[in-house]
């Protein structure tokens, strides 16, 4: 007995074209599901930061209150804002001075974009004059810092300007006053 080999090819005929399309859709659908199961797609929403996360800070400019004239009695204040604008209460601010203009301190912060950074200071601090008298420096980050007390880095390099308020007493002697304060940048 001789056996014949048959080749079977499904070809749509005019009456079975809907069945052929349904069969084709069924096969393609199950083939795609099988591929997804065999080759899963991994999606990440945000790149993980490198470990350890590093934040570096450098000082580009120091806080300077400029020239002012103390009050005759009592006390007063001189404030330098984060933009370098200067205001006073019971203290005279001359319009012409040999000293440099008032400036806010400027810090350059290098961090990965998206890094949350908190800022803190160790003020109040005393500034000491050449005669030994003292003026108190105070920094309120909510008003004296252009970034407030915390910020999220939006680029690799962020400028942070910080001003402050100096309390001037009538017993303060003339001359330059100097001192230091610390600013801490804490990466979260």
C-alpha atoms as a PDB file:
ATOM      1  CA  UNK A   1       0.000   0.000   0.000  1.00  0.00           C
ATOM      2  CA  UNK A   2       1.305   3.365  -0.982  1.00  0.00           C
ATOM      3  CA  UNK A   3       0.857   6.352   1.323  1.00  0.00           C
ATOM      4  CA  UNK A   4       0.447   9.797   0.089  1.00  0.00           C
ATOM      5  CA  UNK A   5       1.807  12.780   1.847  1.00  0.00           C
ATOM      6  CA  UNK A   6      -0.576  15.614   2.050  1.00  0.00           C
ATOM      7  CA  UNK A   7       0.278  19.198   2.517  1.00  0.00           C
ATOM      8  CA  UNK A   8      -2.329  21.177   4.284  1.00  0.00           C
ATOM      9  CA  UNK A   9      -2.401  24.898   3.816  1.00  0.00           C
ATOM     10  CA  UNK A  10      -5.274  26.909   5.107  1.00  0.00           C
ATOM     11  CA  UNK A  11      -6.351  29.276   2.480  1.00  0.00           C
ATOM     12  CA  UNK A  12      -9.240  31.545   2.919  1.00  0.00           C
ATOM     13  CA  UNK A  13     -12.066  30.931   0.635  1.00  0.00           C
ATOM     14  CA  UNK A  14     -14.750  33.410   0.071  1.00  0.00           C
ATOM     15  CA  UNK A  15     -17.002  31.839   2.685  1.00  0.00           C
ATOM     16  CA  UNK A  16     -14.390  31.252   5.402  1.00  0.00           C
ATOM     17  CA  UNK A  17     -12.463  34.560   5.347  1.00  0.00           C
ATOM     18  CA  UNK A  18     -13.822  35.658   8.756  1.00  0.00           C
ATOM     19  CA  UNK A  19     -12.725  32.358  10.311  1.00  0.00           C
ATOM     20  CA  UNK A  20      -9.283  32.721   8.783  1.00  0.00           C
ATOM     21  CA  UNK A  21      -8.898  36.269  10.212  1.00  0.00           C
ATOM     22  CA  UNK A  22     -10.090  35.126  13.643  1.00  0.00           C
ATOM     23  CA  UNK A  23      -7.594  32.242  13.600  1.00  0.00           C
ATOM     24  CA  UNK A  24      -4.805  34.601  12.543  1.00  0.00           C
ATOM     25  CA  UNK A  25      -5.667  37.073  15.329  1.00  0.00           C
ATOM     26  CA  UNK A  26      -5.817  34.228  17.880  1.00  0.00           C
ATOM     27  CA  UNK A  27      -2.366  32.952  16.887  1.00  0.00           C
ATOM     28  CA  UNK A  28      -0.778  36.427  16.864  1.00  0.00           C
ATOM     29  CA  UNK A  29      -2.315  37.321  20.232  1.00  0.00           C
ATOM     30  CA  UNK A  30      -1.034  34.157  21.916  1.00  0.00           C
ATOM     31  CA  UNK A  31       2.337  34.479  20.220  1.00  0.00           C
ATOM     32  CA  UNK A  32       2.742  38.035  21.633  1.00  0.00           C
ATOM     33  CA  UNK A  33       1.735  36.893  25.131  1.00  0.00           C
ATOM     34  CA  UNK A  34       4.294  34.108  24.889  1.00  0.00           C
ATOM     35  CA  UNK A  35       7.040  36.538  23.862  1.00  0.00           C
ATOM     36  CA  UNK A  36       6.244  38.901  26.746  1.00  0.00           C
ATOM     37  CA  UNK A  37       6.389  36.008  29.198  1.00  0.00           C
ATOM     38  CA  UNK A  38       9.669  34.744  27.727  1.00  0.00           C
ATOM     39  CA  UNK A  39      11.271  38.186  27.378  1.00  0.00           C
ATOM     40  CA  UNK A  40       9.952  40.496  30.084  1.00  0.00           C
ATOM     41  CA  UNK A  41      10.483  44.212  29.619  1.00  0.00           C
ATOM     42  CA  UNK A  42      12.114  46.026  32.546  1.00  0.00           C
ATOM     43  CA  UNK A  43      11.230  49.700  32.900  1.00  0.00           C
ATOM     44  CA  UNK A  44      12.913  52.185  35.271  1.00  0.00           C
ATOM     45  CA  UNK A  45      11.301  55.492  36.196  1.00  0.00           C
ATOM     46  CA  UNK A  46      14.444  57.166  37.508  1.00  0.00           C
ATOM     47  CA  UNK A  47      18.106  56.324  37.457  1.00  0.00           C
ATOM     48  CA  UNK A  48      19.459  55.286  40.853  1.00  0.00           C
ATOM     49  CA  UNK A  49      22.083  57.696  42.187  1.00  0.00           C
ATOM     50  CA  UNK A  50      25.625  56.437  42.613  1.00  0.00           C
ATOM     51  CA  UNK A  51      26.680  55.292  46.063  1.00  0.00           C
ATOM     52  CA  UNK A  52      27.820  57.235  47.978  1.00  0.00           C
ATOM     53  CA  UNK A  53      26.020  60.413  46.941  1.00  0.00           C
ATOM     54  CA  UNK A  54      28.487  63.275  47.104  1.00  0.00           C
ATOM     55  CA  UNK A  55      27.806  66.936  47.697  1.00  0.00           C
ATOM     56  CA  UNK A  56      30.643  69.457  47.560  1.00  0.00           C
ATOM     57  CA  UNK A  57      30.459  73.089  48.630  1.00  0.00           C
ATOM     58  CA  UNK A  58      32.881  75.927  47.995  1.00  0.00           C
ATOM     59  CA  UNK A  59      32.750  79.557  49.104  1.00  0.00           C
ATOM     60  CA  UNK A  60      32.772  81.989  46.184  1.00  0.00           C
ATOM     61  CA  UNK A  61      32.048  85.232  48.107  1.00  0.00           C
ATOM     62  CA  UNK A  62      31.985  86.309  51.761  1.00  0.00           C
ATOM     63  CA  UNK A  63      29.250  88.207  53.604  1.00  0.00           C
ATOM     64  CA  UNK A  64      30.096  91.910  53.810  1.00  0.00           C
ATOM     65  CA  UNK A  65      27.930  94.574  55.486  1.00  0.00           C
ATOM     66  CA  UNK A  66      29.731  97.603  54.027  1.00  0.00           C
ATOM     67  CA  UNK A  67      30.203 100.905  55.852  1.00  0.00           C
ATOM     68  CA  UNK A  68      27.620 102.141  58.340  1.00  0.00           C
ATOM     69  CA  UNK A  69      27.433 104.622  61.188  1.00  0.00           C
ATOM     70  CA  UNK A  70      26.283 103.433  64.608  1.00  0.00           C
ATOM     71  CA  UNK A  71      23.408 104.978  66.494  1.00  0.00           C
ATOM     72  CA  UNK A  72      24.079 107.426  69.314  1.00  0.00           C
ATOM     73  CA  UNK A  73      22.121 105.459  71.896  1.00  0.00           C
ATOM     74  CA  UNK A  74      20.471 102.066  72.075  1.00  0.00           C
ATOM     75  CA  UNK A  75      20.913  99.531  69.342  1.00  0.00           C
ATOM     76  CA  UNK A  76      20.087  99.071  65.687  1.00  0.00           C
ATOM     77  CA  UNK A  77      20.456  96.542  62.901  1.00  0.00           C
ATOM     78  CA  UNK A  78      21.970  96.268  59.452  1.00  0.00           C
ATOM     79  CA  UNK A  79      20.623  93.553  57.171  1.00  0.00           C
ATOM     80  CA  UNK A  80      22.112  92.278  53.933  1.00  0.00           C
ATOM     81  CA  UNK A  81      19.615  90.144  52.018  1.00  0.00           C
ATOM     82  CA  UNK A  82      20.465  87.208  49.742  1.00  0.00           C
ATOM     83  CA  UNK A  83      20.521  89.511  46.699  1.00  0.00           C
ATOM     84  CA  UNK A  84      22.962  91.918  48.405  1.00  0.00           C
ATOM     85  CA  UNK A  85      20.349  94.583  49.118  1.00  0.00           C
ATOM     86  CA  UNK A  86      21.006  96.373  52.422  1.00  0.00           C
ATOM     87  CA  UNK A  87      18.533  97.822  54.916  1.00  0.00           C
ATOM     88  CA  UNK A  88      18.917  99.250  58.417  1.00  0.00           C
ATOM     89  CA  UNK A  89      17.030 100.184  61.549  1.00  0.00           C
ATOM     90  CA  UNK A  90      18.481 103.002  63.749  1.00  0.00           C
ATOM     91  CA  UNK A  91      21.769 102.793  61.811  1.00  0.00           C
ATOM     92  CA  UNK A  92      22.917 105.269  59.159  1.00  0.00           C
ATOM     93  CA  UNK A  93      23.980 103.815  55.790  1.00  0.00           C
ATOM     94  CA  UNK A  94      26.203 106.278  53.881  1.00  0.00           C
ATOM     95  CA  UNK A  95      25.673 106.365  50.133  1.00  0.00           C
ATOM     96  CA  UNK A  96      29.400 106.788  49.362  1.00  0.00           C
ATOM     97  CA  UNK A  97      32.014 104.507  50.879  1.00  0.00           C
ATOM     98  CA  UNK A  98      35.637 103.509  50.347  1.00  0.00           C
ATOM     99  CA  UNK A  99      34.791  99.964  51.452  1.00  0.00           C
ATOM    100  CA  UNK A 100      33.494  97.305  49.085  1.00  0.00           C
ATOM    101  CA  UNK A 101      29.769  97.234  48.463  1.00  0.00           C
ATOM    102  CA  UNK A 102      27.605  95.109  50.732  1.00  0.00           C
ATOM    103  CA  UNK A 103      27.380  91.519  49.481  1.00  0.00           C
ATOM    104  CA  UNK A 104      25.696  88.319  50.551  1.00  0.00           C
ATOM    105  CA  UNK A 105      27.869  85.240  50.884  1.00  0.00           C
ATOM    106  CA  UNK A 106      27.799  82.939  47.874  1.00  0.00           C
ATOM    107  CA  UNK A 107      28.270  79.182  48.058  1.00  0.00           C
ATOM    108  CA  UNK A 108      28.653  76.906  45.031  1.00  0.00           C
ATOM    109  CA  UNK A 109      26.985  73.537  45.702  1.00  0.00           C
ATOM    110  CA  UNK A 110      27.795  70.612  43.412  1.00  0.00           C
ATOM    111  CA  UNK A 111      25.311  67.726  43.649  1.00  0.00           C
ATOM    112  CA  UNK A 112      23.346  65.382  41.436  1.00  0.00           C
ATOM    113  CA  UNK A 113      20.054  66.828  40.196  1.00  0.00           C
ATOM    114  CA  UNK A 114      17.221  65.649  42.433  1.00  0.00           C
ATOM    115  CA  UNK A 115      19.346  65.634  45.614  1.00  0.00           C
ATOM    116  CA  UNK A 116      17.512  67.093  48.622  1.00  0.00           C
ATOM    117  CA  UNK A 117      19.810  69.379  50.627  1.00  0.00           C
ATOM    118  CA  UNK A 118      19.027  70.920  54.034  1.00  0.00           C
ATOM    119  CA  UNK A 119      20.909  74.011  55.205  1.00  0.00           C
ATOM    120  CA  UNK A 120      21.764  74.980  58.786  1.00  0.00           C
ATOM    121  CA  UNK A 121      23.965  77.643  60.413  1.00  0.00           C
ATOM    122  CA  UNK A 122      25.616  78.114  63.782  1.00  0.00           C
ATOM    123  CA  UNK A 123      24.409  81.675  64.346  1.00  0.00           C
ATOM    124  CA  UNK A 124      24.150  83.842  66.333  1.00  0.00           C
ATOM    125  CA  UNK A 125      27.892  84.526  66.267  1.00  0.00           C
ATOM    126  CA  UNK A 126      29.879  87.497  67.505  1.00  0.00           C
ATOM    127  CA  UNK A 127      31.943  89.687  65.175  1.00  0.00           C
ATOM    128  CA  UNK A 128      34.839  91.360  67.001  1.00  0.00           C
ATOM    129  CA  UNK A 129      36.176  94.874  66.351  1.00  0.00           C
ATOM    130  CA  UNK A 130      39.753  96.109  66.631  1.00  0.00           C
ATOM    131  CA  UNK A 131      38.905  97.569  70.073  1.00  0.00           C
ATOM    132  CA  UNK A 132      37.502  94.220  71.278  1.00  0.00           C
ATOM    133  CA  UNK A 133      33.834  95.236  71.162  1.00  0.00           C
ATOM    134  CA  UNK A 134      31.380  92.815  69.622  1.00  0.00           C
ATOM    135  CA  UNK A 135      28.407  92.876  67.253  1.00  0.00           C
ATOM    136  CA  UNK A 136      26.097  89.905  66.933  1.00  0.00           C
ATOM    137  CA  UNK A 137      25.467  88.276  63.553  1.00  0.00           C
ATOM    138  CA  UNK A 138      22.252  86.335  63.113  1.00  0.00           C
ATOM    139  CA  UNK A 139      21.061  84.416  60.041  1.00  0.00           C
ATOM    140  CA  UNK A 140      17.433  83.436  59.545  1.00  0.00           C
ATOM    141  CA  UNK A 141      17.539  81.048  56.584  1.00  0.00           C
ATOM    142  CA  UNK A 142      13.870  81.607  55.735  1.00  0.00           C
ATOM    143  CA  UNK A 143      14.607  85.282  54.941  1.00  0.00           C
ATOM    144  CA  UNK A 144      18.380  85.517  54.514  1.00  0.00           C
ATOM    145  CA  UNK A 145      18.924  82.555  52.143  1.00  0.00           C
ATOM    146  CA  UNK A 146      17.677  82.539  48.553  1.00  0.00           C
ATOM    147  CA  UNK A 147      16.973  78.777  48.831  1.00  0.00           C
ATOM    148  CA  UNK A 148      15.349  78.847  52.287  1.00  0.00           C
ATOM    149  CA  UNK A 149      16.374  76.117  54.718  1.00  0.00           C
ATOM    150  CA  UNK A 150      16.249  73.330  52.112  1.00  0.00           C
ATOM    151  CA  UNK A 151      16.226  72.858  48.366  1.00  0.00           C
ATOM    152  CA  UNK A 152      16.336  70.195  45.674  1.00  0.00           C
ATOM    153  CA  UNK A 153      19.283  70.462  43.291  1.00  0.00           C
ATOM    154  CA  UNK A 154      17.941  71.002  39.771  1.00  0.00           C
ATOM    155  CA  UNK A 155      21.320  70.965  38.042  1.00  0.00           C
ATOM    156  CA  UNK A 156      24.850  69.768  38.779  1.00  0.00           C
ATOM    157  CA  UNK A 157      25.854  73.201  40.160  1.00  0.00           C
ATOM    158  CA  UNK A 158      23.606  75.371  42.353  1.00  0.00           C
ATOM    159  CA  UNK A 159      24.411  78.860  43.662  1.00  0.00           C
ATOM    160  CA  UNK A 160      23.233  79.533  47.224  1.00  0.00           C
ATOM    161  CA  UNK A 161      23.291  83.145  48.509  1.00  0.00           C
ATOM    162  CA  UNK A 162      23.073  83.825  52.242  1.00  0.00           C
ATOM    163  CA  UNK A 163      22.859  87.235  53.905  1.00  0.00           C
ATOM    164  CA  UNK A 164      22.375  88.105  57.553  1.00  0.00           C
ATOM    165  CA  UNK A 165      21.507  90.679  60.192  1.00  0.00           C
ATOM    166  CA  UNK A 166      24.063  92.473  62.330  1.00  0.00           C
ATOM    167  CA  UNK A 167      23.023  93.992  65.682  1.00  0.00           C
ATOM    168  CA  UNK A 168      24.880  97.272  66.321  1.00  0.00           C
ATOM    169  CA  UNK A 169      25.058  98.794  69.823  1.00  0.00           C
ATOM    170  CA  UNK A 170      25.864 102.394  70.715  1.00  0.00           C
ATOM    171  CA  UNK A 171      28.960 101.234  72.650  1.00  0.00           C
ATOM    172  CA  UNK A 172      30.551  99.577  69.570  1.00  0.00           C
ATOM    173  CA  UNK A 173      33.840 101.215  68.619  1.00  0.00           C
ATOM    174  CA  UNK A 174      34.790 102.266  65.086  1.00  0.00           C
ATOM    175  CA  UNK A 175      36.774 100.177  62.677  1.00  0.00           C
ATOM    176  CA  UNK A 176      36.443  96.903  60.878  1.00  0.00           C
ATOM    177  CA  UNK A 177      34.748  93.945  62.558  1.00  0.00           C
ATOM    178  CA  UNK A 178      35.405  90.371  61.618  1.00  0.00           C
ATOM    179  CA  UNK A 179      34.364  86.855  62.480  1.00  0.00           C
ATOM    180  CA  UNK A 180      33.117  83.671  60.986  1.00  0.00           C
ATOM    181  CA  UNK A 181      30.043  81.507  60.875  1.00  0.00           C
ATOM    182  CA  UNK A 182      29.444  77.980  59.651  1.00  0.00           C
ATOM    183  CA  UNK A 183      26.926  76.884  57.064  1.00  0.00           C
ATOM    184  CA  UNK A 184      26.204  73.167  56.886  1.00  0.00           C
ATOM    185  CA  UNK A 185      24.725  71.553  53.772  1.00  0.00           C
ATOM    186  CA  UNK A 186      23.165  68.185  54.670  1.00  0.00           C
ATOM    187  CA  UNK A 187      22.357  65.792  51.822  1.00  0.00           C
ATOM    188  CA  UNK A 188      19.207  63.713  52.379  1.00  0.00           C
END
